[in-house]
Amino acid sequence: MLDPKLLDDLAARLNTLLAATPAKDFEKNTRALVSGFLARLDVVTREEFDVQAQVLARTREKLKELEARVEALERQRTGS
């Protein structure tokens, strides 16, 4: 079986080697290009989406409660 330390050392050496090649620049430039493209699309992060989903869920719940109260008040008013 291969020694995990040997694999970690090999991975570290490969990362060091790649950092000095155009491949690292290509990755950095690609990330910048994609980030710029997404910024122009006006998309939100997953965290922002999750927060808004929670707000919507609470709003829907409150709306259900208010609808039930209105219905009860209407029944009370009509004497039913």
N, C-alpha and C. Protein backbone atom coordinates (compact mmCIF):
# COMPACT_ATOMS: atom_id res chain seq x y z
N MET A 1 0.84 -1.17 0.00
CA MET A 1 0.00 0.00 0.00
C MET A 1 0.89 1.24 0.00
N LEU A 2 0.44 2.28 -0.67
CA LEU A 2 1.22 3.51 -0.75
C LEU A 2 1.13 4.31 0.53
N ASP A 3 2.22 4.92 0.88
CA ASP A 3 2.28 5.74 2.07
C ASP A 3 1.54 7.06 1.82
N PRO A 4 0.55 7.43 2.64
CA PRO A 4 -0.19 8.68 2.45
C PRO A 4 0.72 9.91 2.46
N LYS A 5 1.78 9.84 3.25
CA LYS A 5 2.72 10.96 3.31
C LYS A 5 3.41 11.15 1.95
N LEU A 6 3.70 10.05 1.30
CA LEU A 6 4.33 10.10 -0.01
C LEU A 6 3.38 10.75 -1.02
N LEU A 7 2.10 10.37 -0.96
CA LEU A 7 1.11 10.96 -1.87
C LEU A 7 0.94 12.46 -1.60
N ASP A 8 0.91 12.85 -0.33
CA ASP A 8 0.80 14.27 0.01
C ASP A 8 2.00 15.05 -0.50
N ASP A 9 3.17 14.47 -0.35
CA ASP A 9 4.39 15.11 -0.84
C ASP A 9 4.36 15.27 -2.35
N LEU A 10 3.90 14.22 -3.04
CA LEU A 10 3.80 14.27 -4.49
C LEU A 10 2.80 15.33 -4.93
N ALA A 11 1.67 15.40 -4.26
CA ALA A 11 0.67 16.41 -4.59
C ALA A 11 1.21 17.81 -4.37
N ALA A 12 1.93 18.02 -3.28
CA ALA A 12 2.52 19.33 -2.99
C ALA A 12 3.54 19.72 -4.06
N ARG A 13 4.35 18.76 -4.48
CA ARG A 13 5.34 19.05 -5.52
C ARG A 13 4.67 19.37 -6.86
N LEU A 14 3.60 18.63 -7.18
CA LEU A 14 2.88 18.91 -8.42
C LEU A 14 2.23 20.30 -8.38
N ASN A 15 1.67 20.68 -7.25
CA ASN A 15 1.08 22.01 -7.11
C ASN A 15 2.14 23.09 -7.27
N THR A 16 3.31 22.87 -6.69
CA THR A 16 4.41 23.83 -6.83
C THR A 16 4.84 23.93 -8.28
N LEU A 17 4.93 22.80 -8.94
CA LEU A 17 5.32 22.77 -10.35
C LEU A 17 4.29 23.47 -11.22
N LEU A 18 3.00 23.21 -10.98
CA LEU A 18 1.93 23.83 -11.76
C LEU A 18 1.85 25.34 -11.52
N ALA A 19 2.20 25.77 -10.31
CA ALA A 19 2.14 27.20 -10.00
C ALA A 19 3.11 27.99 -10.87
N ALA A 20 4.15 27.34 -11.32
CA ALA A 20 5.16 28.03 -12.12
C ALA A 20 4.92 27.88 -13.62
N THR A 21 3.80 27.29 -14.02
CA THR A 21 3.53 27.07 -15.44
C THR A 21 2.38 27.96 -15.90
N PRO A 22 2.21 28.07 -17.19
CA PRO A 22 1.08 28.85 -17.72
C PRO A 22 -0.28 28.26 -17.34
N ALA A 23 -0.33 27.01 -16.93
CA ALA A 23 -1.60 26.38 -16.55
C ALA A 23 -2.23 27.12 -15.37
N LYS A 24 -1.42 27.56 -14.44
CA LYS A 24 -1.94 28.30 -13.27
C LYS A 24 -2.50 29.65 -13.72
N ASP A 25 -1.81 30.32 -14.62
CA ASP A 25 -2.31 31.60 -15.15
C ASP A 25 -3.61 31.38 -15.91
N PHE A 26 -3.67 30.29 -16.66
CA PHE A 26 -4.89 29.99 -17.41
C PHE A 26 -6.06 29.78 -16.45
N GLU A 27 -5.82 29.06 -15.37
CA GLU A 27 -6.88 28.81 -14.38
C GLU A 27 -7.33 30.13 -13.75
N LYS A 28 -6.37 30.97 -13.38
CA LYS A 28 -6.70 32.26 -12.76
C LYS A 28 -7.48 33.14 -13.73
N ASN A 29 -7.04 33.20 -14.97
CA ASN A 29 -7.74 34.02 -15.97
C ASN A 29 -9.14 33.48 -16.26
N THR A 30 -9.26 32.16 -16.30
CA THR A 30 -10.58 31.56 -16.54
C THR A 30 -11.52 31.86 -15.40
N ARG A 31 -11.03 31.77 -14.18
CA ARG A 31 -11.87 32.09 -13.02
C ARG A 31 -12.32 33.56 -13.07
N ALA A 32 -11.41 34.44 -13.42
CA ALA A 32 -11.75 35.86 -13.50
C ALA A 32 -12.79 36.11 -14.60
N LEU A 33 -12.62 35.44 -15.72
CA LEU A 33 -13.55 35.58 -16.83
C LEU A 33 -14.95 35.09 -16.45
N VAL A 34 -15.02 33.93 -15.83
CA VAL A 34 -16.31 33.37 -15.42
C VAL A 34 -16.94 34.25 -14.33
N SER A 35 -16.15 34.71 -13.39
CA SER A 35 -16.68 35.58 -12.33
C SER A 35 -17.24 36.86 -12.93
N GLY A 36 -16.54 37.45 -13.88
CA GLY A 36 -17.02 38.66 -14.54
C GLY A 36 -18.30 38.41 -15.31
N PHE A 37 -18.38 37.28 -15.98
CA PHE A 37 -19.57 36.92 -16.74
C PHE A 37 -20.77 36.75 -15.80
N LEU A 38 -20.56 36.06 -14.69
CA LEU A 38 -21.64 35.85 -13.73
C LEU A 38 -22.07 37.17 -13.08
N ALA A 39 -21.13 38.06 -12.85
CA ALA A 39 -21.48 39.36 -12.27
C ALA A 39 -22.37 40.15 -13.21
N ARG A 40 -22.13 40.06 -14.51
CA ARG A 40 -22.96 40.77 -15.48
C ARG A 40 -24.35 40.15 -15.57
N LEU A 41 -24.48 38.87 -15.25
CA LEU A 41 -25.77 38.21 -15.29
C LEU A 41 -26.64 38.57 -14.09
N ASP A 42 -26.06 39.23 -13.11
CA ASP A 42 -26.77 39.65 -11.91
C ASP A 42 -27.36 38.45 -11.17
N VAL A 43 -26.55 37.42 -10.96
CA VAL A 43 -26.98 36.25 -10.21
C VAL A 43 -26.65 36.45 -8.74
N VAL A 44 -27.31 35.68 -7.89
CA VAL A 44 -27.07 35.78 -6.45
C VAL A 44 -26.31 34.55 -5.98
N THR A 45 -25.70 34.69 -4.83
CA THR A 45 -24.99 33.55 -4.24
C THR A 45 -26.01 32.57 -3.66
N ARG A 46 -25.57 31.38 -3.40
CA ARG A 46 -26.45 30.37 -2.81
C ARG A 46 -26.92 30.83 -1.43
N GLU A 47 -26.03 31.48 -0.69
CA GLU A 47 -26.38 31.97 0.64
C GLU A 47 -27.50 33.01 0.55
N GLU A 48 -27.38 33.95 -0.39
CA GLU A 48 -28.43 34.96 -0.56
C GLU A 48 -29.74 34.30 -0.99
N PHE A 49 -29.67 33.30 -1.85
CA PHE A 49 -30.86 32.59 -2.29
C PHE A 49 -31.53 31.89 -1.11
N ASP A 50 -30.75 31.22 -0.28
CA ASP A 50 -31.30 30.51 0.87
C ASP A 50 -31.97 31.46 1.84
N VAL A 51 -31.36 32.63 2.06
CA VAL A 51 -31.95 33.63 2.96
C VAL A 51 -33.30 34.08 2.41
N GLN A 52 -33.35 34.37 1.12
CA GLN A 52 -34.61 34.82 0.52
C GLN A 52 -35.66 33.71 0.54
N ALA A 53 -35.25 32.47 0.39
CA ALA A 53 -36.19 31.35 0.45
C ALA A 53 -36.79 31.25 1.85
N GLN A 54 -35.98 31.49 2.88
CA GLN A 54 -36.48 31.47 4.26
C GLN A 54 -37.46 32.62 4.50
N VAL A 55 -37.13 33.79 3.98
CA VAL A 55 -38.02 34.94 4.11
C VAL A 55 -39.36 34.64 3.44
N LEU A 56 -39.31 34.06 2.26
CA LEU A 56 -40.53 33.72 1.54
C LEU A 56 -41.36 32.70 2.32
N ALA A 57 -40.72 31.71 2.89
CA ALA A 57 -41.44 30.69 3.67
C ALA A 57 -42.13 31.33 4.86
N ARG A 58 -41.44 32.23 5.57
CA ARG A 58 -42.06 32.92 6.72
C ARG A 58 -43.21 33.81 6.27
N THR A 59 -43.06 34.46 5.13
CA THR A 59 -44.11 35.32 4.60
C THR A 59 -45.34 34.51 4.23
N ARG A 60 -45.13 33.37 3.62
CA ARG A 60 -46.26 32.50 3.26
C ARG A 60 -46.99 32.03 4.51
N GLU A 61 -46.24 31.67 5.54
CA GLU A 61 -46.84 31.21 6.79
C GLU A 61 -47.67 32.34 7.42
N LYS A 62 -47.12 33.52 7.45
CA LYS A 62 -47.84 34.68 8.00
C LYS A 62 -49.10 34.96 7.18
N LEU A 63 -49.02 34.85 5.87
CA LEU A 63 -50.18 35.06 5.01
C LEU A 63 -51.28 34.05 5.33
N LYS A 64 -50.91 32.79 5.54
CA LYS A 64 -51.90 31.77 5.91
C LYS A 64 -52.59 32.14 7.22
N GLU A 65 -51.79 32.59 8.19
CA GLU A 65 -52.36 32.98 9.49
C GLU A 65 -53.32 34.15 9.32
N LEU A 66 -52.94 35.14 8.56
CA LEU A 66 -53.79 36.31 8.34
C LEU A 66 -55.07 35.94 7.59
N GLU A 67 -54.95 35.07 6.61
CA GLU A 67 -56.15 34.63 5.88
C GLU A 67 -57.11 33.91 6.81
N ALA A 68 -56.57 33.09 7.72
CA ALA A 68 -57.42 32.38 8.67
C ALA A 68 -58.10 33.37 9.62
N ARG A 69 -57.38 34.39 10.06
CA ARG A 69 -57.97 35.40 10.94
C ARG A 69 -59.08 36.17 10.23
N VAL A 70 -58.85 36.56 8.98
CA VAL A 70 -59.86 37.28 8.22
C VAL A 70 -61.10 36.41 8.05
N GLU A 71 -60.89 35.15 7.72
CA GLU A 71 -62.01 34.23 7.55
C GLU A 71 -62.80 34.10 8.85
N ALA A 72 -62.11 33.99 9.98
CA ALA A 72 -62.79 33.88 11.28
C ALA A 72 -63.56 35.15 11.58
N LEU A 73 -62.97 36.30 11.31
CA LEU A 73 -63.66 37.57 11.56
C LEU A 73 -64.89 37.71 10.67
N GLU A 74 -64.80 37.28 9.42
CA GLU A 74 -65.93 37.35 8.51
C GLU A 74 -67.07 36.44 8.98
N ARG A 75 -66.71 35.25 9.45
CA ARG A 75 -67.73 34.33 9.97
C ARG A 75 -68.39 34.92 11.22
N GLN A 76 -67.57 35.52 12.06
CA GLN A 76 -68.08 36.12 13.29
C GLN A 76 -69.02 37.29 12.96
N ARG A 77 -68.68 38.06 11.98
CA ARG A 77 -69.46 39.21 11.58
C ARG A 77 -70.81 38.82 10.99
N THR A 78 -70.80 37.75 10.21
CA THR A 78 -72.05 37.30 9.59
C THR A 78 -72.87 36.42 10.52
N GLY A 79 -72.31 36.03 11.64
CA GLY A 79 -73.04 35.23 12.61
C GLY A 79 -73.09 33.76 12.28
N SER A 80 -72.26 33.28 11.42
CA SER A 80 -72.28 31.86 11.02
C SER A 80 -71.44 31.03 11.94
